[in-house]
Amino acid sequence: MPAVPWTANQHMTALWLTLVAAAYLASFLLLVARRRPGYSHIRHTISELGEFGAPERRLVSLRGFLPVGVLLLLVAYLLRPLHQPEGMLALCIAIGYLVAAAFPCDPGSPLSGSFRQAVHNLGGAVEYAGGAIALMRLSETFGQPFRLAGIIVGAAIIGLSFSGAMRGIIQRVAEVCLFGGLAFAVWVSRAAVQPS
């Protein structure tokens, strides 16, 4: 089996879906956050926009997290086999968003809480721990920027474990590393699938 078994069409579709998912998520979060009094992108996690009991919970779950998760699941499918780091990264991000859609966090997104919060945290752990591992594997091919991104995502797991004034910005930096790393890896590796 070749190292990168994708066709050029699959490859470009995966890239476009990744970019669409990232742009959609960013614009959706900006719009919904404006409707939530007191919400801060620096202090609050993304999940808190759709926390259990929030007026926008269903909107965030069904029109925010679910479409992003489905798009990244399609990317993972296109980039299979999933033991390839690009496919693994897409799948980990997809799991994080799909679990967040199905299991909204408790208010404030605490480290512990209800069963729903435990499952939500597990989805986040898959996204961030799996994403950090995938980025580190990508660094073997693409170099130090991916290693740094993996370290940042790994450190974000620790930063998000504490309630503090910077949880939102920590999470957003990790998300940029995950989505950016995926898009960049697919873009850079395009030469491997271009017809000669």
C-alpha atoms as a PDB file:
ATOM      1  CA  MET A   1       0.000   0.000   0.000  1.00  0.00           C
ATOM      2  CA  PRO A   2       1.450   3.429  -0.895  1.00  0.00           C
ATOM      3  CA  ALA A   3       2.247   5.901   1.882  1.00  0.00           C
ATOM      4  CA  VAL A   4      -0.441   8.314   0.657  1.00  0.00           C
ATOM      5  CA  PRO A   5      -3.206   6.243  -0.991  1.00  0.00           C
ATOM      6  CA  TRP A   6      -5.505   9.103  -1.949  1.00  0.00           C
ATOM      7  CA  THR A   7      -6.478  10.256  -5.399  1.00  0.00           C
ATOM      8  CA  ALA A   8      -5.889  13.888  -6.322  1.00  0.00           C
ATOM      9  CA  ASN A   9      -9.654  14.542  -6.234  1.00  0.00           C
ATOM     10  CA  GLN A  10     -10.028  13.035  -2.750  1.00  0.00           C
ATOM     11  CA  HIS A  11      -7.080  15.077  -1.600  1.00  0.00           C
ATOM     12  CA  MET A  12      -8.401  18.412  -2.858  1.00  0.00           C
ATOM     13  CA  THR A  13     -11.905  17.658  -1.580  1.00  0.00           C
ATOM     14  CA  ALA A  14     -10.458  16.908   1.860  1.00  0.00           C
ATOM     15  CA  LEU A  15      -8.570  20.200   1.805  1.00  0.00           C
ATOM     16  CA  TRP A  16     -11.646  22.212   0.812  1.00  0.00           C
ATOM     17  CA  LEU A  17     -13.849  20.504   3.405  1.00  0.00           C
ATOM     18  CA  THR A  18     -11.277  21.248   6.100  1.00  0.00           C
ATOM     19  CA  LEU A  19     -11.133  24.920   5.122  1.00  0.00           C
ATOM     20  CA  VAL A  20     -14.933  25.172   4.923  1.00  0.00           C
ATOM     21  CA  ALA A  21     -15.298  23.546   8.366  1.00  0.00           C
ATOM     22  CA  ALA A  22     -12.748  25.919   9.922  1.00  0.00           C
ATOM     23  CA  ALA A  23     -14.275  29.039   8.328  1.00  0.00           C
ATOM     24  CA  TYR A  24     -17.800  27.946   9.206  1.00  0.00           C
ATOM     25  CA  LEU A  25     -16.841  27.258  12.823  1.00  0.00           C
ATOM     26  CA  ALA A  26     -15.048  30.591  13.243  1.00  0.00           C
ATOM     27  CA  SER A  27     -17.886  32.638  11.773  1.00  0.00           C
ATOM     28  CA  PHE A  28     -20.551  30.655  13.641  1.00  0.00           C
ATOM     29  CA  LEU A  29     -18.781  31.158  16.979  1.00  0.00           C
ATOM     30  CA  LEU A  30     -18.371  34.878  16.388  1.00  0.00           C
ATOM     31  CA  LEU A  31     -22.062  35.297  15.534  1.00  0.00           C
ATOM     32  CA  VAL A  32     -23.435  33.172  18.376  1.00  0.00           C
ATOM     33  CA  ALA A  33     -21.080  34.724  20.949  1.00  0.00           C
ATOM     34  CA  ARG A  34     -22.510  38.173  20.148  1.00  0.00           C
ATOM     35  CA  ARG A  35     -25.946  36.891  21.147  1.00  0.00           C
ATOM     36  CA  ARG A  36     -24.704  35.668  24.541  1.00  0.00           C
ATOM     37  CA  PRO A  37     -24.355  38.468  27.114  1.00  0.00           C
ATOM     38  CA  GLY A  38     -21.110  38.308  29.054  1.00  0.00           C
ATOM     39  CA  TYR A  39     -19.485  35.693  26.837  1.00  0.00           C
ATOM     40  CA  SER A  40     -15.753  36.197  26.296  1.00  0.00           C
ATOM     41  CA  HIS A  41     -13.639  34.392  23.714  1.00  0.00           C
ATOM     42  CA  ILE A  42     -10.683  34.824  26.088  1.00  0.00           C
ATOM     43  CA  ARG A  43     -12.310  33.461  29.278  1.00  0.00           C
ATOM     44  CA  HIS A  44     -14.928  31.000  28.050  1.00  0.00           C
ATOM     45  CA  THR A  45     -14.527  27.742  26.182  1.00  0.00           C
ATOM     46  CA  ILE A  46     -16.248  27.111  22.875  1.00  0.00           C
ATOM     47  CA  SER A  47     -18.454  24.497  24.530  1.00  0.00           C
ATOM     48  CA  GLU A  48     -19.861  27.043  26.965  1.00  0.00           C
ATOM     49  CA  LEU A  49     -21.778  28.652  24.103  1.00  0.00           C
ATOM     50  CA  GLY A  50     -23.848  25.475  23.959  1.00  0.00           C
ATOM     51  CA  GLU A  51     -23.724  24.474  27.633  1.00  0.00           C
ATOM     52  CA  PHE A  52     -26.673  22.658  29.121  1.00  0.00           C
ATOM     53  CA  GLY A  53     -29.397  25.183  29.984  1.00  0.00           C
ATOM     54  CA  ALA A  54     -28.058  27.911  27.673  1.00  0.00           C
ATOM     55  CA  PRO A  55     -30.722  29.528  25.470  1.00  0.00           C
ATOM     56  CA  GLU A  56     -28.656  28.809  22.344  1.00  0.00           C
ATOM     57  CA  ARG A  57     -27.808  25.185  23.303  1.00  0.00           C
ATOM     58  CA  ARG A  58     -29.692  23.464  20.472  1.00  0.00           C
ATOM     59  CA  LEU A  59     -28.534  26.016  17.908  1.00  0.00           C
ATOM     60  CA  VAL A  60     -24.888  25.535  18.893  1.00  0.00           C
ATOM     61  CA  SER A  61     -25.177  21.734  18.988  1.00  0.00           C
ATOM     62  CA  LEU A  62     -27.172  21.221  15.794  1.00  0.00           C
ATOM     63  CA  ARG A  63     -26.001  24.095  13.612  1.00  0.00           C
ATOM     64  CA  GLY A  64     -22.510  24.594  14.994  1.00  0.00           C
ATOM     65  CA  PHE A  65     -20.835  21.494  16.364  1.00  0.00           C
ATOM     66  CA  LEU A  66     -22.728  18.860  14.343  1.00  0.00           C
ATOM     67  CA  PRO A  67     -21.944  20.247  10.851  1.00  0.00           C
ATOM     68  CA  VAL A  68     -18.280  20.747  11.758  1.00  0.00           C
ATOM     69  CA  GLY A  69     -18.077  17.198  13.104  1.00  0.00           C
ATOM     70  CA  VAL A  70     -19.744  15.756  10.007  1.00  0.00           C
ATOM     71  CA  LEU A  71     -17.465  17.718   7.657  1.00  0.00           C
ATOM     72  CA  LEU A  72     -14.363  16.480   9.485  1.00  0.00           C
ATOM     73  CA  LEU A  73     -15.735  12.936   9.503  1.00  0.00           C
ATOM     74  CA  LEU A  74     -15.957  13.196   5.696  1.00  0.00           C
ATOM     75  CA  VAL A  75     -12.384  14.478   5.626  1.00  0.00           C
ATOM     76  CA  ALA A  76     -11.283  11.496   7.726  1.00  0.00           C
ATOM     77  CA  TYR A  77     -13.090   9.179   5.305  1.00  0.00           C
ATOM     78  CA  LEU A  78     -11.370  10.777   2.318  1.00  0.00           C
ATOM     79  CA  LEU A  79      -7.964  10.568   4.011  1.00  0.00           C
ATOM     80  CA  ARG A  80      -8.287   6.932   5.043  1.00  0.00           C
ATOM     81  CA  PRO A  81      -6.679   4.668   6.043  1.00  0.00           C
ATOM     82  CA  LEU A  82      -6.991   6.226   9.453  1.00  0.00           C
ATOM     83  CA  HIS A  83      -3.591   5.030  10.611  1.00  0.00           C
ATOM     84  CA  GLN A  84      -2.188   7.804   8.402  1.00  0.00           C
ATOM     85  CA  PRO A  85      -1.686  10.861  10.643  1.00  0.00           C
ATOM     86  CA  GLU A  86      -3.809  13.173   8.459  1.00  0.00           C
ATOM     87  CA  GLY A  87      -6.801  10.828   8.651  1.00  0.00           C
ATOM     88  CA  MET A  88      -6.262  10.285  12.359  1.00  0.00           C
ATOM     89  CA  LEU A  89      -6.144  14.041  12.981  1.00  0.00           C
ATOM     90  CA  ALA A  90      -9.365  14.627  11.039  1.00  0.00           C
ATOM     91  CA  LEU A  91     -11.097  11.795  12.910  1.00  0.00           C
ATOM     92  CA  CYS A  92      -9.998  13.088  16.324  1.00  0.00           C
ATOM     93  CA  ILE A  93     -11.330  16.581  15.575  1.00  0.00           C
ATOM     94  CA  ALA A  94     -14.568  15.086  14.229  1.00  0.00           C
ATOM     95  CA  ILE A  95     -15.064  13.031  17.386  1.00  0.00           C
ATOM     96  CA  GLY A  96     -14.551  16.102  19.571  1.00  0.00           C
ATOM     97  CA  TYR A  97     -17.238  18.077  17.749  1.00  0.00           C
ATOM     98  CA  LEU A  98     -19.715  15.223  17.352  1.00  0.00           C
ATOM     99  CA  VAL A  99     -19.493  14.365  21.050  1.00  0.00           C
ATOM    100  CA  ALA A 100     -19.889  18.073  21.953  1.00  0.00           C
ATOM    101  CA  ALA A 101     -23.030  18.183  19.788  1.00  0.00           C
ATOM    102  CA  ALA A 102     -24.569  15.123  21.468  1.00  0.00           C
ATOM    103  CA  PHE A 103     -23.388  15.813  25.022  1.00  0.00           C
ATOM    104  CA  PRO A 104     -23.397  19.536  25.867  1.00  0.00           C
ATOM    105  CA  CYS A 105     -21.197  20.502  28.772  1.00  0.00           C
ATOM    106  CA  ASP A 106     -22.456  21.481  32.206  1.00  0.00           C
ATOM    107  CA  PRO A 107     -22.529  25.232  32.890  1.00  0.00           C
ATOM    108  CA  GLY A 108     -18.968  26.513  32.965  1.00  0.00           C
ATOM    109  CA  SER A 109     -17.644  23.281  31.399  1.00  0.00           C
ATOM    110  CA  PRO A 110     -16.074  21.953  34.615  1.00  0.00           C
ATOM    111  CA  LEU A 111     -13.490  19.184  34.788  1.00  0.00           C
ATOM    112  CA  SER A 112     -15.992  16.974  36.601  1.00  0.00           C
ATOM    113  CA  GLY A 113     -19.757  17.011  36.889  1.00  0.00           C
ATOM    114  CA  SER A 114     -22.635  15.075  35.416  1.00  0.00           C
ATOM    115  CA  PHE A 115     -22.381  11.953  33.242  1.00  0.00           C
ATOM    116  CA  ARG A 116     -23.027  14.253  30.278  1.00  0.00           C
ATOM    117  CA  GLN A 117     -20.004  16.357  31.284  1.00  0.00           C
ATOM    118  CA  ALA A 118     -17.843  13.240  31.634  1.00  0.00           C
ATOM    119  CA  VAL A 119     -18.705  12.119  28.088  1.00  0.00           C
ATOM    120  CA  HIS A 120     -18.189  15.688  26.822  1.00  0.00           C
ATOM    121  CA  ASN A 121     -14.738  15.752  28.446  1.00  0.00           C
ATOM    122  CA  LEU A 122     -13.920  12.352  26.960  1.00  0.00           C
ATOM    123  CA  GLY A 123     -14.731  13.690  23.480  1.00  0.00           C
ATOM    124  CA  GLY A 124     -12.461  16.660  24.158  1.00  0.00           C
ATOM    125  CA  ALA A 125      -9.701  14.336  25.349  1.00  0.00           C
ATOM    126  CA  VAL A 126      -9.937  12.333  22.106  1.00  0.00           C
ATOM    127  CA  GLU A 127      -9.765  15.547  20.077  1.00  0.00           C
ATOM    128  CA  TYR A 128      -6.827  17.099  21.933  1.00  0.00           C
ATOM    129  CA  ALA A 129      -4.753  14.061  22.968  1.00  0.00           C
ATOM    130  CA  GLY A 130      -5.346  12.285  19.657  1.00  0.00           C
ATOM    131  CA  GLY A 131      -4.776  15.525  17.782  1.00  0.00           C
ATOM    132  CA  ALA A 132      -1.493  16.155  19.604  1.00  0.00           C
ATOM    133  CA  ILE A 133      -0.297  12.632  18.761  1.00  0.00           C
ATOM    134  CA  ALA A 134      -1.297  13.039  15.105  1.00  0.00           C
ATOM    135  CA  LEU A 135       0.516  16.386  14.879  1.00  0.00           C
ATOM    136  CA  MET A 136       3.643  14.808  16.398  1.00  0.00           C
ATOM    137  CA  ARG A 137       3.455  12.012  13.805  1.00  0.00           C
ATOM    138  CA  LEU A 138       3.051  14.625  11.069  1.00  0.00           C
ATOM    139  CA  SER A 139       6.220  16.332  12.333  1.00  0.00           C
ATOM    140  CA  GLU A 140       8.158  13.238  11.245  1.00  0.00           C
ATOM    141  CA  THR A 141       7.277  14.137   7.652  1.00  0.00           C
ATOM    142  CA  PHE A 142       6.726  17.891   7.740  1.00  0.00           C
ATOM    143  CA  GLY A 143       9.114  19.058  10.450  1.00  0.00           C
ATOM    144  CA  GLN A 144       9.267  21.208  13.520  1.00  0.00           C
ATOM    145  CA  PRO A 145       6.176  23.426  13.032  1.00  0.00           C
ATOM    146  CA  PHE A 146       3.997  20.323  13.449  1.00  0.00           C
ATOM    147  CA  ARG A 147       5.970  19.254  16.506  1.00  0.00           C
ATOM    148  CA  LEU A 148       5.425  22.683  18.040  1.00  0.00           C
ATOM    149  CA  ALA A 149       1.710  22.510  17.189  1.00  0.00           C
ATOM    150  CA  GLY A 150       1.518  19.078  18.856  1.00  0.00           C
ATOM    151  CA  ILE A 151       3.228  20.408  21.974  1.00  0.00           C
ATOM    152  CA  ILE A 152       0.839  23.389  22.085  1.00  0.00           C
ATOM    153  CA  VAL A 153      -2.217  21.127  21.777  1.00  0.00           C
ATOM    154  CA  GLY A 154      -0.815  18.809  24.457  1.00  0.00           C
ATOM    155  CA  ALA A 155      -0.185  21.766  26.761  1.00  0.00           C
ATOM    156  CA  ALA A 156      -3.726  23.003  26.097  1.00  0.00           C
ATOM    157  CA  ILE A 157      -5.064  19.835  27.732  1.00  0.00           C
ATOM    158  CA  ILE A 158      -3.394  20.932  30.956  1.00  0.00           C
ATOM    159  CA  GLY A 159      -4.458  24.563  30.560  1.00  0.00           C
ATOM    160  CA  LEU A 160      -8.085  23.624  29.946  1.00  0.00           C
ATOM    161  CA  SER A 161      -8.105  21.449  33.066  1.00  0.00           C
ATOM    162  CA  PHE A 162      -8.045  24.534  35.256  1.00  0.00           C
ATOM    163  CA  SER A 163     -10.768  27.120  35.464  1.00  0.00           C
ATOM    164  CA  GLY A 164      -9.158  30.425  34.746  1.00  0.00           C
ATOM    165  CA  ALA A 165      -9.344  33.675  32.906  1.00  0.00           C
ATOM    166  CA  MET A 166      -7.507  32.317  29.854  1.00  0.00           C
ATOM    167  CA  ARG A 167      -9.320  29.023  29.084  1.00  0.00           C
ATOM    168  CA  GLY A 168     -10.996  30.432  25.983  1.00  0.00           C
ATOM    169  CA  ILE A 169      -7.835  31.706  24.362  1.00  0.00           C
ATOM    170  CA  ILE A 170      -5.949  28.511  25.247  1.00  0.00           C
ATOM    171  CA  GLN A 171      -8.624  26.442  23.539  1.00  0.00           C
ATOM    172  CA  ARG A 172      -8.750  28.663  20.474  1.00  0.00           C
ATOM    173  CA  VAL A 173      -4.975  28.469  20.000  1.00  0.00           C
ATOM    174  CA  ALA A 174      -5.239  24.667  20.209  1.00  0.00           C
ATOM    175  CA  GLU A 175      -8.080  24.677  17.657  1.00  0.00           C
ATOM    176  CA  VAL A 176      -6.001  26.796  15.259  1.00  0.00           C
ATOM    177  CA  CYS A 177      -3.166  24.274  15.630  1.00  0.00           C
ATOM    178  CA  LEU A 178      -5.513  21.340  14.960  1.00  0.00           C
ATOM    179  CA  PHE A 179      -7.417  22.780  11.995  1.00  0.00           C
ATOM    180  CA  GLY A 180      -4.385  24.623  10.637  1.00  0.00           C
ATOM    181  CA  GLY A 181      -2.178  21.561  10.993  1.00  0.00           C
ATOM    182  CA  LEU A 182      -4.696  19.401   9.170  1.00  0.00           C
ATOM    183  CA  ALA A 183      -5.185  21.882   6.320  1.00  0.00           C
ATOM    184  CA  PHE A 184      -1.467  22.539   5.971  1.00  0.00           C
ATOM    185  CA  ALA A 185      -0.553  18.828   5.991  1.00  0.00           C
ATOM    186  CA  VAL A 186      -3.118  18.055   3.314  1.00  0.00           C
ATOM    187  CA  TRP A 187      -1.996  21.067   1.269  1.00  0.00           C
ATOM    188  CA  VAL A 188       1.731  20.321   1.497  1.00  0.00           C
ATOM    189  CA  SER A 189       1.291  16.632   0.762  1.00  0.00           C
ATOM    190  CA  ARG A 190      -0.718  17.412  -2.391  1.00  0.00           C
ATOM    191  CA  ALA A 191       2.433  16.960  -4.484  1.00  0.00           C
ATOM    192  CA  ALA A 192       2.472  13.274  -3.529  1.00  0.00           C
ATOM    193  CA  VAL A 193      -0.906  12.736  -5.199  1.00  0.00           C
ATOM    194  CA  GLN A 194      -0.627  15.078  -8.178  1.00  0.00           C
ATOM    195  CA  PRO A 195      -0.462  13.212 -11.468  1.00  0.00           C
ATOM    196  CA  SER A 196       2.954  13.510 -13.094  1.00  0.00           C
END
